[in-house]
């Protein structure tokens, strides 16, 4: 199911994070860092959960540790991409799909 916002545990409650503002998600075992245009959130979650929840047309898993929003990808290289100025690795498995989506997106 595609959602336009995520409810993220933040402080003593929950915060609504608009999906279009998410630049990328980085996983470090059970911790996921959700990076948006204005801030980042670190929560205990599985990156697979986000891969299943977020739109396949907008988001792509480019590495075992990263999911990126195609809205913010502005450069692709041989084994890396730039997302909002940050260089992220692209796995060999995801490289072809990343190039295809980069050309077709927008």
Protein backbone atom coordinates (compact mmCIF):
# COMPACT_ATOMS: atom_id res chain seq x y z
CA UNK A 1 0.00 0.00 0.00
CA UNK A 2 1.39 3.40 -0.94
CA UNK A 3 1.21 6.07 1.73
CA UNK A 4 1.75 9.80 1.49
CA UNK A 5 3.04 10.09 5.04
CA UNK A 6 4.77 7.94 7.61
CA UNK A 7 4.17 8.03 11.35
CA UNK A 8 7.61 8.08 12.96
CA UNK A 9 8.28 7.70 16.70
CA UNK A 10 9.81 10.99 17.78
CA UNK A 11 10.39 11.97 21.38
CA UNK A 12 7.47 10.91 23.56
CA UNK A 13 5.04 10.63 20.61
CA UNK A 14 4.65 10.23 16.87
CA UNK A 15 5.46 12.68 14.09
CA UNK A 16 3.93 12.74 10.60
CA UNK A 17 6.63 12.73 7.93
CA UNK A 18 5.44 13.49 4.38
CA UNK A 19 6.72 10.79 2.00
CA UNK A 20 7.62 13.34 -0.73
CA UNK A 21 10.10 14.97 1.70
CA UNK A 22 12.08 11.73 2.25
CA UNK A 23 15.43 11.85 0.43
CA UNK A 24 16.78 8.46 1.46
CA UNK A 25 16.70 5.81 4.17
CA UNK A 26 19.89 4.32 5.57
CA UNK A 27 19.94 1.08 7.53
CA UNK A 28 22.46 -0.08 10.10
CA UNK A 29 21.22 -3.46 11.25
CA UNK A 30 17.97 -2.70 13.11
CA UNK A 31 18.39 1.09 13.13
CA UNK A 32 17.07 3.08 10.20
CA UNK A 33 17.87 6.70 9.58
CA UNK A 34 15.19 8.50 7.58
CA UNK A 35 16.63 11.62 5.98
CA UNK A 36 14.24 14.34 4.86
CA UNK A 37 14.70 17.81 3.45
CA UNK A 38 14.63 19.37 6.92
CA UNK A 39 15.79 16.74 9.45
CA UNK A 40 16.63 13.11 10.02
CA UNK A 41 14.99 10.52 12.26
CA UNK A 42 16.66 7.42 13.68
CA UNK A 43 14.29 4.61 14.63
CA UNK A 44 14.35 0.89 15.28
CA UNK A 45 12.89 -0.68 12.15
CA UNK A 46 13.67 -2.99 9.27
CA UNK A 47 14.64 -1.44 5.94
CA UNK A 48 12.53 -4.18 4.34
CA UNK A 49 9.45 -2.63 5.98
CA UNK A 50 10.13 0.65 4.18
CA UNK A 51 10.89 -1.14 0.92
CA UNK A 52 7.46 -2.80 1.06
CA UNK A 53 5.60 0.35 2.16
CA UNK A 54 7.03 3.05 -0.10
CA UNK A 55 6.03 3.58 -3.73
CA UNK A 56 8.05 1.45 -6.16
CA UNK A 57 7.85 4.19 -8.81
CA UNK A 58 9.42 6.82 -6.58
CA UNK A 59 11.71 4.80 -4.26
CA UNK A 60 14.36 2.22 -5.10
CA UNK A 61 16.55 0.04 -2.93
CA UNK A 62 20.03 0.65 -4.33
CA UNK A 63 22.06 -1.25 -1.75
CA UNK A 64 21.47 -3.54 1.21
CA UNK A 65 21.70 -0.41 3.40
CA UNK A 66 19.95 2.26 1.28
CA UNK A 67 16.61 3.16 -0.25
CA UNK A 68 16.52 6.41 -2.23
CA UNK A 69 13.83 8.72 -3.54
CA UNK A 70 14.21 9.34 -7.27
CA UNK A 71 13.01 12.90 -6.60
CA UNK A 72 16.40 13.71 -5.04
CA UNK A 73 18.84 11.72 -7.21
CA UNK A 74 20.80 14.25 -9.24
CA UNK A 75 23.83 12.21 -10.40
CA UNK A 76 24.63 8.57 -11.14
CA UNK A 77 28.14 7.19 -11.56
CA UNK A 78 29.56 3.71 -12.07
CA UNK A 79 29.01 2.50 -8.52
CA UNK A 80 27.56 5.51 -6.71
CA UNK A 81 24.86 8.16 -6.87
CA UNK A 82 24.34 11.58 -5.38
CA UNK A 83 21.20 12.20 -3.41
CA UNK A 84 20.79 15.79 -2.31
CA UNK A 85 24.58 16.24 -2.28
CA UNK A 86 25.39 13.00 -0.41
CA UNK A 87 27.26 10.21 -2.24
CA UNK A 88 25.71 6.76 -1.72
CA UNK A 89 26.89 3.36 -3.02
CA UNK A 90 24.90 1.38 -5.59
CA UNK A 91 25.14 -2.41 -5.59
CA UNK A 92 25.89 -4.26 -8.82
CA UNK A 93 22.48 -5.91 -8.54
CA UNK A 94 20.65 -2.55 -8.41
CA UNK A 95 22.83 -0.65 -10.91
CA UNK A 96 20.83 -1.47 -14.06
CA UNK A 97 17.47 -0.70 -12.45
CA UNK A 98 18.89 2.55 -11.02
CA UNK A 99 20.11 3.69 -14.44
CA UNK A 100 16.79 2.77 -16.05
CA UNK A 101 14.77 4.67 -13.45
CA UNK A 102 17.10 7.69 -13.58
CA UNK A 103 16.61 8.02 -17.35
CA UNK A 104 12.83 7.51 -17.24
CA UNK A 105 12.04 9.44 -14.06
CA UNK A 106 10.33 12.83 -14.44
